[in-house]
Amino acid sequence: MRASCKKCLGLLLVSGLLLALFHVWRPGTSSVVDIRPRQGDLMKKLFEAKIQDTVSGYHDIAYHIKEDVARRLPQNTCVCLADEETFRLPFANQLFPRVWAHSIDLAFLESHPDPEGVKRHRAQEYSNFQKRSYNPADVLIVAEANSPLQYPTQGVEVRPLKTIIIPGLGLKEDGGSNHMVYLTASLGTFDIAATVDGVSVKGEGEKHMILSSPILSALNRQLQFVTYTNTVFHPRTADTVQFASAGHQSSFTIKVEHGTVPKLYNTGYQGEYNISALVTFATKTFLRYDKLKDLIDSIRQYYPTVTIVIADDNEHPQPLTGPHIEHYIMPFGKGWFAGRNLAVSQVTTKYVLWVDDDFIFTANTKVEKMVDILEKTTLDLVGGAVREVTGYTATYRHTISVEEGAEEGDCLHIRNGYHHVIEGFPDCVVADAVINFFMGRTDKVQQAGFNPRLARHGHLEFFIDSLGSLHIGSCSDVIVNHASKIIMPWSKTDSQKAYDKFRYSSSSADNDIHKEDFYFKNRFKCMTSH
């Protein structure tokens, strides 16, 4: 009996040890995180309510609008107005060019078969774009007067060369016969959109402005009308504003940048995903027309009308014909990433699915699942899984981090694994690099681009360049098969031998390019990896 207990106890200890080791060795973590798009949250609402209480006081103090300043403020609306033609003379338009106006909405909607439907679809697409673009760092936050200066700490933004009212300025000091504050900027000027009786303002239209009053409430009312006008054009920068009183000093930033122009895709508004309208398949081929044709045949079995874009840098290109195929010929041996750039540059759909030319679609290659997660989360790109002929399925998930170094450069750290599981998608995780079977938002993939210097091999380099700009995931339940690579040396064709010579040759020139890219372009001094 005691021997049996000892055996049971030993088994329990061994099992516990194995579980502990599994917990330590397994990639990623067990955390589950919700990354569905959210335009705002409870914290944003609390901030907005607090700001409303902070900046909306002093209603009982009268003010007088300054029309020349107030008309420069954004009205949150736009109107297309053309200049009226006052007189007709030869060459009048050349000598006195008039502003013309074109109503894009009317021109498009009047010829559309379902104008209300397309308007609803555009509104929904724009709403999703805004949710994906939402950044908590853009929320307006006002530091209450603990100093006793009150000012915005973040969330103030002005378009280049435009004017805004600076929200949240205030002074909350006790006592004193005269109250005074100073404002100083470097990329713009200050003014006031309205005047308040009993307040002295000096420096209107200049980079340095002084406001003073014996009545504190009047001064705070006047501060509610202080404007900032950007005067130095730059498409994306920031001005640091100094805000001070007699005994205290603070500073805050005003972001100067153009608003983000959305890229929306009119993919229809059916209840189900229209894959042909949403996704384009892209691939690059070289000396493997037999495998490419197998790929196309497998795609057509499940997605007969999806467009396939093929970049081809063969020396003697073969015709690739058929419906929904776009075949682009490149200079001979131009390379892997150059082909990726070409293929992706020709995609006009919302999403692009990258596939290698030796992949084979099966019933498990459910492209709809990739579309579903991109539509419902903030991810920009999601990878799938590749199944080898041996039955092994790979997802190739990695995390990437860059550790700051000194003058010699930074350190690149690559590890197997992922960051966390995605709530609502138990088979999907967030990572920094995934396998070369992935779907991405076309505009984001085009924005990241592929380094055309990497001709023969390269994959991880794309994700290193995309670190910080692409939000990446990986789903193990979308699987594409990999054509067999098991070929006996004596049975290889001339084409296969030529491919191996190009693909697997390790020339010093190729190695030097990779070293130079890491050392010079990315400024790395070392790399660690599993």
Protein backbone atom coordinates (compact mmCIF):
# COMPACT_ATOMS: atom_id res chain seq x y z
CA MET A 1 0.00 0.00 0.00
CA ARG A 2 2.81 2.36 0.94
CA ALA A 3 4.64 1.47 -2.24
CA SER A 4 1.53 2.32 -4.28
CA CYS A 5 1.17 5.69 -2.50
CA LYS A 6 4.82 6.45 -3.17
CA LYS A 7 4.33 5.64 -6.85
CA CYS A 8 1.24 7.88 -7.02
CA LEU A 9 3.08 10.67 -5.24
CA GLY A 10 6.00 10.29 -7.66
CA LEU A 11 3.71 10.43 -10.66
CA LEU A 12 2.05 13.57 -9.30
CA LEU A 13 5.42 15.24 -8.75
CA VAL A 14 6.62 14.32 -12.25
CA SER A 15 3.35 15.51 -13.79
CA GLY A 16 3.55 18.78 -11.90
CA LEU A 17 7.14 19.28 -13.01
CA LEU A 18 6.23 18.60 -16.65
CA LEU A 19 3.33 21.04 -16.48
CA ALA A 20 5.58 23.68 -14.96
CA LEU A 21 8.20 23.16 -17.65
CA PHE A 22 5.52 23.35 -20.36
CA HIS A 23 4.31 26.62 -18.88
CA VAL A 24 7.83 28.03 -18.95
CA TRP A 25 8.77 26.78 -22.42
CA ARG A 26 5.59 27.39 -24.36
CA PRO A 27 5.66 30.42 -26.67
CA GLY A 28 3.58 33.48 -25.90
CA THR A 29 1.43 34.01 -22.87
CA SER A 30 -1.98 32.89 -21.75
CA SER A 31 -3.40 36.40 -21.67
CA VAL A 32 -6.40 37.13 -23.86
CA VAL A 33 -6.75 40.71 -25.11
CA ASP A 34 -9.61 42.44 -26.90
CA ILE A 35 -8.30 44.30 -29.95
CA ARG A 36 -11.62 45.06 -31.58
CA PRO A 37 -11.81 48.68 -32.85
CA ARG A 38 -12.93 51.22 -30.28
CA GLN A 39 -13.27 54.88 -31.14
CA GLY A 40 -13.50 55.80 -27.49
CA ASP A 41 -13.91 54.28 -24.09
CA LEU A 42 -15.06 55.12 -20.58
CA MET A 43 -11.88 57.05 -19.83
CA LYS A 44 -12.38 59.28 -22.86
CA LYS A 45 -15.93 60.06 -21.77
CA LEU A 46 -14.72 60.91 -18.28
CA PHE A 47 -12.09 63.26 -19.72
CA GLU A 48 -14.66 64.95 -21.95
CA ALA A 49 -17.05 65.50 -19.04
CA LYS A 50 -14.24 66.86 -16.87
CA ILE A 51 -13.04 69.22 -19.60
CA GLN A 52 -16.58 70.50 -20.11
CA ASP A 53 -16.76 71.40 -16.41
CA THR A 54 -13.28 72.95 -16.52
CA VAL A 55 -13.56 75.20 -19.56
CA SER A 56 -17.22 76.20 -19.60
CA GLY A 57 -17.32 78.51 -16.60
CA TYR A 58 -17.68 82.30 -16.37
CA HIS A 59 -20.91 82.46 -18.40
CA ASP A 60 -21.92 85.62 -16.58
CA ILE A 61 -18.98 87.63 -17.95
CA ALA A 62 -19.73 89.40 -21.23
CA TYR A 63 -17.45 89.32 -24.27
CA HIS A 64 -17.23 90.97 -27.71
CA ILE A 65 -16.49 88.93 -30.84
CA LYS A 66 -13.47 89.91 -32.95
CA GLU A 67 -14.78 89.10 -36.42
CA ASP A 68 -11.40 89.15 -38.19
CA VAL A 69 -10.08 86.46 -35.83
CA ALA A 70 -13.28 84.45 -35.34
CA ARG A 71 -13.80 83.90 -39.06
CA ARG A 72 -10.44 82.12 -39.25
CA LEU A 73 -11.54 79.47 -36.76
CA PRO A 74 -12.63 76.05 -38.11
CA GLN A 75 -16.39 75.84 -38.58
CA ASN A 76 -16.51 72.02 -38.75
CA THR A 77 -18.16 72.23 -42.16
CA CYS A 78 -17.10 72.86 -45.72
CA VAL A 79 -18.93 74.32 -48.70
CA CYS A 80 -17.99 74.09 -52.37
CA LEU A 81 -18.28 77.62 -53.73
CA ALA A 82 -16.93 78.81 -57.05
CA ASP A 83 -15.93 82.39 -57.80
CA GLU A 84 -18.62 84.28 -59.65
CA GLU A 85 -17.83 85.38 -63.17
CA THR A 86 -17.89 89.19 -63.00
CA PHE A 87 -16.93 90.01 -66.58
CA ARG A 88 -16.07 88.26 -69.81
CA LEU A 89 -12.92 89.23 -71.66
CA PRO A 90 -10.48 87.36 -73.89
CA PHE A 91 -7.96 85.46 -71.75
CA ALA A 92 -9.86 86.53 -68.60
CA ASN A 93 -9.34 83.13 -66.95
CA GLN A 94 -5.62 83.29 -67.61
CA LEU A 95 -5.26 86.84 -66.31
CA PHE A 96 -7.72 86.53 -63.42
CA PRO A 97 -8.06 82.82 -62.59
CA ARG A 98 -11.30 81.95 -60.86
CA VAL A 99 -11.83 79.27 -58.25
CA TRP A 100 -13.95 76.48 -59.67
CA ALA A 101 -16.10 74.03 -57.71
CA HIS A 102 -17.23 70.50 -58.48
CA SER A 103 -19.83 68.61 -56.44
CA ILE A 104 -18.29 65.15 -56.25
CA ASP A 105 -21.18 63.70 -54.29
CA LEU A 106 -23.81 64.84 -56.77
CA ALA A 107 -21.77 63.73 -59.78
CA PHE A 108 -21.28 60.26 -58.32
CA LEU A 109 -24.66 59.66 -56.69
CA GLU A 110 -26.88 60.89 -59.52
CA SER A 111 -25.64 58.08 -61.78
CA HIS A 112 -25.46 55.37 -59.11
CA PRO A 113 -28.23 52.74 -59.10
CA ASP A 114 -28.51 52.79 -55.29
CA PRO A 115 -27.36 56.18 -53.96
CA GLU A 116 -28.74 55.71 -50.46
CA GLY A 117 -27.18 52.28 -50.14
CA VAL A 118 -23.73 53.46 -51.22
CA LYS A 119 -23.98 56.43 -48.84
CA ARG A 120 -24.71 54.08 -45.94
CA HIS A 121 -21.86 51.81 -47.00
CA ARG A 122 -19.42 54.73 -47.19
CA ALA A 123 -20.52 55.96 -43.77
CA GLN A 124 -19.96 52.51 -42.29
CA GLU A 125 -16.52 52.19 -43.90
CA TYR A 126 -15.56 55.64 -42.60
CA SER A 127 -16.78 54.77 -39.12
CA ASN A 128 -14.61 51.64 -39.15
CA PHE A 129 -11.65 53.67 -40.41
CA GLN A 130 -12.08 56.18 -37.58
CA LYS A 131 -12.24 53.39 -35.01
CA ARG A 132 -9.04 51.82 -36.35
CA SER A 133 -7.33 55.23 -36.42
CA TYR A 134 -8.35 56.21 -32.88
CA ASN A 135 -5.39 56.91 -30.61
CA PRO A 136 -5.86 57.62 -26.88
CA ALA A 137 -2.90 60.01 -27.08
CA ASP A 138 -5.07 62.35 -29.19
CA VAL A 139 -7.72 62.80 -26.49
CA LEU A 140 -7.79 66.32 -25.05
CA ILE A 141 -6.59 66.36 -21.44
CA VAL A 142 -6.48 69.54 -19.37
CA ALA A 143 -4.22 69.78 -16.33
CA GLU A 144 -6.22 71.49 -13.63
CA ALA A 145 -4.62 74.42 -11.88
CA ASN A 146 -2.42 72.73 -9.32
CA SER A 147 0.42 75.09 -10.12
CA PRO A 148 -1.89 77.45 -10.29
CA LEU A 149 -1.76 77.34 -14.10
CA GLN A 150 -4.37 75.36 -16.00
CA TYR A 151 -3.58 74.22 -19.55
CA PRO A 152 -4.08 71.32 -21.99
CA THR A 153 -1.52 68.53 -21.63
CA GLN A 154 -2.39 66.69 -24.87
CA GLY A 155 -4.94 66.57 -27.64
CA VAL A 156 -4.54 70.08 -29.10
CA GLU A 157 -4.12 70.03 -32.87
CA VAL A 158 -4.15 72.63 -35.64
CA ARG A 159 -3.95 72.27 -39.39
CA PRO A 160 -0.89 73.89 -41.03
CA LEU A 161 -1.35 77.67 -41.33
CA LYS A 162 -4.80 77.49 -39.69
CA THR A 163 -6.27 78.90 -36.48
CA ILE A 164 -7.78 77.29 -33.38
CA ILE A 165 -8.94 78.35 -29.93
CA ILE A 166 -6.61 76.89 -27.29
CA PRO A 167 -8.86 74.95 -24.89
CA GLY A 168 -8.44 74.77 -21.13
CA LEU A 169 -6.30 77.83 -20.34
CA GLY A 170 -6.86 79.25 -16.87
CA LEU A 171 -5.30 80.80 -13.78
CA LYS A 172 -6.53 79.77 -10.31
CA GLU A 173 -4.47 81.83 -7.88
CA ASP A 174 -5.62 83.46 -4.63
CA GLY A 175 -5.27 87.14 -3.76
CA GLY A 176 -3.29 89.79 -5.62
CA SER A 177 -4.33 93.13 -7.05
CA ASN A 178 -3.37 92.27 -10.61
CA HIS A 179 -3.33 88.91 -12.37
CA MET A 180 -1.08 88.31 -15.36
CA VAL A 181 -0.14 85.42 -17.67
CA TYR A 182 2.26 85.06 -20.59
CA LEU A 183 2.09 82.93 -23.74
CA THR A 184 5.07 82.26 -26.01
CA ALA A 185 5.24 80.16 -29.21
CA SER A 186 7.82 79.50 -31.91
CA LEU A 187 5.84 78.28 -34.92
CA GLY A 188 2.76 80.49 -34.64
CA THR A 189 1.11 83.57 -33.20
CA PHE A 190 -1.57 84.30 -30.60
CA ASP A 191 -4.71 86.40 -30.79
CA ILE A 192 -8.13 86.58 -29.21
CA ALA A 193 -11.43 85.72 -30.86
CA ALA A 194 -13.35 88.00 -28.47
CA THR A 195 -12.51 90.75 -25.99
CA VAL A 196 -13.55 90.89 -22.34
CA ASP A 197 -13.97 94.18 -20.53
CA GLY A 198 -11.39 94.87 -17.86
CA VAL A 199 -8.67 92.70 -19.45
CA SER A 200 -5.49 94.10 -21.00
CA VAL A 201 -4.07 92.18 -23.95
CA LYS A 202 -0.67 92.92 -25.46
CA GLY A 203 0.95 91.14 -28.38
CA GLU A 204 -2.10 90.26 -30.48
CA GLY A 205 -0.93 88.63 -33.72
CA GLU A 206 2.55 88.00 -32.30
CA LYS A 207 4.49 85.05 -30.89
CA HIS A 208 4.47 86.49 -27.37
CA MET A 209 1.26 87.68 -25.72
CA ILE A 210 0.57 89.09 -22.24
CA LEU A 211 -2.88 89.13 -20.65
CA SER A 212 -3.61 90.88 -17.35
CA SER A 213 -6.57 92.02 -15.28
CA PRO A 214 -7.34 93.03 -11.69
CA ILE A 215 -10.36 90.70 -11.88
CA LEU A 216 -9.35 87.03 -11.96
CA SER A 217 -12.70 85.82 -13.33
CA ALA A 218 -12.46 88.30 -16.21
CA LEU A 219 -8.94 87.12 -17.04
CA ASN A 220 -10.08 83.48 -17.07
CA ARG A 221 -13.01 84.40 -19.30
CA GLN A 222 -10.59 86.11 -21.69
CA LEU A 223 -8.34 83.04 -21.71
CA GLN A 224 -11.24 81.05 -23.14
CA PHE A 225 -10.94 83.08 -26.35
CA VAL A 226 -7.18 82.85 -26.90
CA THR A 227 -6.37 81.61 -30.40
CA TYR A 228 -3.26 80.09 -31.93
CA THR A 229 -2.43 80.47 -35.63
CA ASN A 230 0.27 78.33 -37.19
CA THR A 231 2.57 80.51 -39.34
CA VAL A 232 5.38 78.13 -40.38
CA PHE A 233 4.22 75.48 -42.82
CA HIS A 234 5.15 71.90 -42.05
CA PRO A 235 2.90 68.91 -42.82
CA ARG A 236 3.66 67.18 -39.51
CA THR A 237 5.33 68.88 -36.56
CA ALA A 238 4.49 70.44 -33.18
CA ASP A 239 4.86 73.79 -31.45
CA THR A 240 5.83 73.92 -27.78
CA VAL A 241 3.91 76.74 -26.10
CA GLN A 242 5.20 78.36 -22.91
CA PHE A 243 2.43 79.38 -20.52
CA ALA A 244 3.50 81.28 -17.39
CA SER A 245 2.42 83.59 -14.60
CA ALA A 246 4.52 85.78 -12.34
CA GLY A 247 5.72 82.86 -10.23
CA HIS A 248 5.00 79.73 -12.26
CA GLN A 249 5.84 78.31 -15.66
CA SER A 250 4.49 75.45 -17.74
CA SER A 251 4.55 74.22 -21.31
CA PHE A 252 2.35 72.19 -23.62
CA THR A 253 2.45 71.11 -27.24
CA ILE A 254 0.16 71.91 -30.14
CA LYS A 255 0.37 69.34 -32.92
CA VAL A 256 0.59 70.87 -36.39
CA GLU A 257 -0.44 68.40 -39.06
CA HIS A 258 -2.81 67.72 -41.89
CA GLY A 259 -5.77 65.54 -41.07
CA THR A 260 -5.55 61.92 -42.19
CA VAL A 261 -7.18 61.40 -45.56
CA PRO A 262 -9.04 58.07 -45.36
CA LYS A 263 -8.69 55.31 -47.93
CA LEU A 264 -12.07 53.65 -48.19
CA TYR A 265 -12.91 50.76 -50.51
CA ASN A 266 -16.33 50.49 -52.12
CA THR A 267 -16.77 46.75 -51.79
CA GLY A 268 -20.55 46.65 -51.80
CA TYR A 269 -22.80 46.18 -48.81
CA GLN A 270 -24.01 42.61 -48.96
CA GLY A 271 -24.70 40.74 -45.78
CA GLU A 272 -21.91 38.24 -46.51
CA TYR A 273 -18.30 38.90 -47.49
CA ASN A 274 -17.84 39.24 -51.24
CA ILE A 275 -14.32 37.82 -51.45
CA SER A 276 -13.90 38.73 -55.12
CA ALA A 277 -14.62 42.38 -54.33
CA LEU A 278 -12.62 42.42 -51.10
CA VAL A 279 -9.46 40.42 -51.80
CA THR A 280 -6.81 40.07 -54.50
CA PHE A 281 -4.36 37.15 -54.45
CA ALA A 282 -0.76 38.13 -55.22
CA THR A 283 2.28 35.99 -55.92
CA LYS A 284 5.77 36.10 -57.43
CA THR A 285 7.03 33.35 -59.71
CA PHE A 286 10.43 32.33 -61.01
CA LEU A 287 11.28 29.11 -62.90
CA ARG A 288 8.31 27.26 -61.35
CA TYR A 289 5.49 27.49 -63.89
CA ASP A 290 4.40 23.93 -63.11
CA LYS A 291 3.83 24.77 -59.45
CA LEU A 292 2.26 28.12 -60.29
CA LYS A 293 -0.32 26.43 -62.51
CA ASP A 294 -1.13 23.99 -59.69
CA LEU A 295 -1.64 26.99 -57.39
CA ILE A 296 -3.97 28.70 -59.87
CA ASP A 297 -5.98 25.50 -60.40
CA SER A 298 -6.39 25.06 -56.64
CA ILE A 299 -7.48 28.68 -56.20
CA ARG A 300 -10.03 28.41 -58.97
CA GLN A 301 -11.55 25.36 -57.30
CA TYR A 302 -12.62 27.51 -54.33
CA TYR A 303 -12.43 31.13 -55.57
CA PRO A 304 -13.18 31.13 -59.31
CA THR A 305 -13.62 34.90 -59.69
CA VAL A 306 -10.92 36.33 -57.41
CA THR A 307 -8.24 38.31 -59.25
CA ILE A 308 -4.74 36.79 -59.17
CA VAL A 309 -1.82 39.18 -59.69
CA ILE A 310 1.42 37.49 -60.78
CA ALA A 311 4.85 39.13 -60.88
CA ASP A 312 7.17 37.19 -63.18
CA ASP A 313 10.94 37.72 -63.59
CA ASN A 314 11.69 34.65 -65.69
CA GLU A 315 14.16 35.05 -68.55
CA HIS A 316 11.73 33.43 -71.00
CA PRO A 317 8.21 34.18 -69.70
CA GLN A 318 5.43 31.80 -70.56
CA PRO A 319 1.91 33.09 -71.23
CA LEU A 320 -0.48 32.82 -68.32
CA THR A 321 -3.99 33.29 -69.58
CA GLY A 322 -7.42 32.90 -68.09
CA PRO A 323 -10.12 34.98 -66.48
CA HIS A 324 -9.19 37.24 -63.57
CA ILE A 325 -5.43 36.83 -64.04
CA GLU A 326 -3.05 39.77 -64.30
CA HIS A 327 0.43 38.75 -65.44
CA TYR A 328 3.24 41.34 -65.10
CA ILE A 329 6.64 40.71 -66.67
CA MET A 330 9.75 42.01 -64.89
CA PRO A 331 13.40 42.23 -65.91
CA PHE A 332 15.10 38.86 -65.66
CA GLY A 333 16.10 37.86 -62.13
CA LYS A 334 14.92 41.16 -60.65
CA GLY A 335 14.21 39.45 -57.39
CA TRP A 336 11.90 38.36 -54.63
CA PHE A 337 11.02 41.61 -52.88
CA ALA A 338 10.95 43.61 -56.13
CA GLY A 339 8.32 41.14 -57.33
CA ARG A 340 6.34 41.54 -54.13
CA ASN A 341 6.39 45.31 -54.58
CA LEU A 342 5.18 45.04 -58.17
CA ALA A 343 2.40 42.59 -57.38
CA VAL A 344 1.09 44.52 -54.37
CA SER A 345 1.29 47.84 -56.25
CA GLN A 346 -1.31 46.58 -58.74
CA VAL A 347 -3.88 45.54 -56.14
CA THR A 348 -7.03 47.68 -56.07
CA THR A 349 -9.08 45.75 -53.52
CA LYS A 350 -9.28 46.43 -49.80
CA TYR A 351 -7.16 43.38 -48.91
CA VAL A 352 -4.28 41.54 -50.54
CA LEU A 353 -3.51 37.88 -49.84
CA TRP A 354 0.12 36.93 -50.36
CA VAL A 355 0.79 33.35 -51.47
CA ASP A 356 3.98 31.67 -52.67
CA ASP A 357 3.81 30.13 -56.12
CA ASP A 358 4.23 26.59 -54.69
CA PHE A 359 1.22 26.75 -52.36
CA ILE A 360 -1.96 24.74 -52.90
CA PHE A 361 -5.42 25.77 -51.68
CA THR A 362 -7.59 23.21 -49.93
CA ALA A 363 -10.94 23.17 -48.16
CA ASN A 364 -9.07 24.45 -45.07
CA THR A 365 -7.88 27.59 -46.86
CA LYS A 366 -10.80 29.69 -45.66
CA VAL A 367 -9.92 33.18 -46.82
CA GLU A 368 -13.21 34.41 -45.34
CA LYS A 369 -11.80 33.86 -41.83
CA MET A 370 -8.89 36.19 -42.55
CA VAL A 371 -11.28 38.83 -43.87
CA ASP A 372 -13.47 38.40 -40.80
CA ILE A 373 -10.68 39.14 -38.30
CA LEU A 374 -9.39 42.12 -40.29
CA GLU A 375 -12.92 43.52 -40.49
CA LYS A 376 -13.57 43.08 -36.77
CA THR A 377 -10.22 44.04 -35.19
CA THR A 378 -7.53 46.71 -35.42
CA LEU A 379 -5.11 44.30 -37.10
CA ASP A 380 -3.47 45.45 -40.35
CA LEU A 381 -2.17 42.04 -41.36
CA VAL A 382 -2.95 38.45 -40.38
CA GLY A 383 -0.99 35.33 -41.23
CA GLY A 384 -2.26 31.80 -41.62
CA ALA A 385 -0.59 28.40 -41.47
CA VAL A 386 1.27 26.29 -44.03
CA ARG A 387 0.98 22.50 -44.01
CA GLU A 388 3.88 20.48 -45.37
CA VAL A 389 3.52 17.12 -47.11
CA THR A 390 4.80 15.49 -43.92
CA GLY A 391 1.67 16.73 -42.13
CA TYR A 392 3.54 19.33 -40.05
CA THR A 393 1.75 22.70 -39.94
CA ALA A 394 3.82 25.86 -39.39
CA THR A 395 2.65 29.32 -38.33
CA TYR A 396 6.11 30.95 -37.96
CA ARG A 397 5.19 33.36 -35.16
CA HIS A 398 7.85 35.69 -33.83
CA THR A 399 8.12 38.68 -31.54
CA ILE A 400 10.54 41.45 -32.46
CA SER A 401 11.98 44.18 -30.26
CA VAL A 402 14.69 46.77 -30.70
CA GLU A 403 16.80 47.71 -27.69
CA GLU A 404 18.39 51.13 -27.85
CA GLY A 405 22.16 51.18 -28.00
CA ALA A 406 24.82 53.84 -27.98
CA GLU A 407 26.80 55.25 -30.88
CA GLU A 408 27.51 51.76 -32.23
CA GLY A 409 23.83 51.12 -32.94
CA ASP A 410 20.81 49.26 -31.56
CA CYS A 411 20.17 45.60 -30.77
CA LEU A 412 17.58 43.54 -32.61
CA HIS A 413 15.93 40.74 -30.61
CA ILE A 414 13.82 38.07 -32.33
CA ARG A 415 12.06 35.33 -30.40
CA ASN A 416 9.72 32.48 -31.25
CA GLY A 417 6.23 33.05 -29.89
CA TYR A 418 3.55 35.70 -29.70
CA HIS A 419 2.25 38.43 -27.41
CA HIS A 420 -1.30 37.36 -26.53
CA VAL A 421 -4.42 35.60 -27.74
CA ILE A 422 -7.14 37.71 -29.38
CA GLU A 423 -10.46 37.80 -27.54
CA GLY A 424 -13.23 36.33 -29.65
CA PHE A 425 -10.74 34.54 -31.93
CA PRO A 426 -9.26 31.68 -29.89
CA ASP A 427 -7.14 30.43 -32.81
CA CYS A 428 -5.56 33.84 -33.39
CA VAL A 429 -2.75 35.68 -31.62
CA VAL A 430 -0.87 38.97 -31.91
CA ALA A 431 2.75 38.74 -33.04
CA ASP A 432 5.35 40.84 -34.87
CA ALA A 433 6.20 38.45 -37.71
CA VAL A 434 4.20 35.67 -39.36
CA ILE A 435 4.57 33.11 -42.12
CA ASN A 436 4.68 34.10 -45.82
CA PHE A 437 0.99 33.28 -46.24
CA PHE A 438 -0.76 36.40 -45.03
CA MET A 439 -3.54 38.85 -45.78
CA GLY A 440 -3.13 42.57 -45.17
CA ARG A 441 -4.88 45.85 -45.68
CA THR A 442 -3.63 46.83 -49.12
CA ASP A 443 -2.85 50.46 -48.31
CA LYS A 444 -0.91 49.49 -45.17
CA VAL A 445 1.13 46.80 -46.96
CA GLN A 446 1.88 49.22 -49.79
CA GLN A 447 2.89 51.84 -47.25
CA ALA A 448 5.32 49.43 -45.57
CA GLY A 449 6.74 48.17 -48.88
CA PHE A 450 9.38 45.54 -49.59
CA ASN A 451 13.08 46.27 -49.92
CA PRO A 452 13.86 45.54 -53.61
CA ARG A 453 17.54 44.98 -52.82
CA LEU A 454 16.64 41.61 -51.29
CA ALA A 455 16.61 39.56 -54.46
CA ARG A 456 17.07 35.87 -53.64
CA HIS A 457 15.80 35.47 -50.10
CA GLY A 458 14.14 37.52 -47.40
CA HIS A 459 10.94 37.49 -45.39
CA LEU A 460 11.61 38.51 -41.81
CA GLU A 461 13.14 41.75 -43.12
CA PHE A 462 9.69 42.99 -44.17
CA PHE A 463 8.38 42.64 -40.63
CA ILE A 464 11.47 44.30 -39.15
CA ASP A 465 10.87 47.30 -41.41
CA SER A 466 7.17 47.24 -40.44
CA LEU A 467 7.80 47.21 -36.69
CA GLY A 468 5.73 49.99 -35.16
CA SER A 469 3.62 50.62 -38.28
CA LEU A 470 1.74 47.34 -38.76
CA HIS A 471 -0.49 45.64 -36.19
CA ILE A 472 -0.01 41.94 -36.96
CA GLY A 473 -1.80 38.75 -36.04
CA SER A 474 -1.66 35.05 -36.84
CA CYS A 475 -4.50 32.54 -37.11
CA SER A 476 -3.76 28.83 -37.11
CA ASP A 477 -7.15 27.78 -38.50
CA VAL A 478 -6.58 29.09 -42.05
CA ILE A 479 -4.29 26.54 -43.70
CA VAL A 480 -2.70 26.38 -47.13
CA ASN A 481 -0.78 23.32 -48.32
CA HIS A 482 2.84 23.45 -49.46
CA ALA A 483 3.82 21.54 -52.60
CA SER A 484 6.30 18.76 -51.96
CA LYS A 485 9.96 19.75 -51.92
CA ILE A 486 11.12 16.15 -51.81
CA ILE A 487 12.73 15.57 -55.21
CA MET A 488 15.46 13.04 -55.86
CA PRO A 489 18.59 14.68 -57.31
CA TRP A 490 18.59 12.39 -60.37
CA SER A 491 14.95 13.24 -61.17
CA LYS A 492 15.29 17.04 -61.16
CA THR A 493 14.43 18.85 -64.36
CA ASP A 494 16.67 21.54 -65.87
CA SER A 495 14.21 24.16 -64.62
CA GLN A 496 14.37 22.80 -61.07
CA LYS A 497 18.16 22.76 -61.15
CA ALA A 498 18.23 26.33 -62.41
CA TYR A 499 15.80 27.39 -59.68
CA ASP A 500 17.94 25.78 -56.97
CA LYS A 501 21.01 27.53 -58.34
CA PHE A 502 19.33 30.94 -58.08
CA ARG A 503 17.34 30.35 -54.91
CA TYR A 504 19.87 28.65 -52.70
CA SER A 505 23.11 30.16 -53.92
CA SER A 506 24.83 31.98 -51.10
CA SER A 507 26.86 34.57 -52.94
CA SER A 508 29.00 37.01 -51.02
CA ALA A 509 27.20 39.90 -52.73
CA ASP A 510 23.80 38.78 -51.38
CA ASN A 511 25.21 38.29 -47.90
CA ASP A 512 26.84 41.72 -48.03
CA ILE A 513 23.50 43.33 -48.92
CA HIS A 514 21.81 41.75 -45.89
CA LYS A 515 24.66 42.81 -43.63
CA GLU A 516 24.60 46.37 -45.00
CA ASP A 517 20.83 46.65 -44.62
CA PHE A 518 20.93 45.58 -41.00
CA TYR A 519 24.00 47.62 -40.13
CA PHE A 520 23.42 50.79 -42.12
CA LYS A 521 19.72 51.04 -43.09
CA ASN A 522 18.35 49.73 -39.78
CA ARG A 523 21.34 50.89 -37.66
CA PHE A 524 21.71 47.58 -35.82
CA LYS A 525 24.92 46.54 -34.14
CA CYS A 526 23.78 43.05 -33.15
CA MET A 527 20.92 40.60 -33.43
CA THR A 528 19.76 37.88 -31.06
CA SER A 529 17.30 35.18 -32.02
CA HIS A 530 16.07 31.69 -31.21
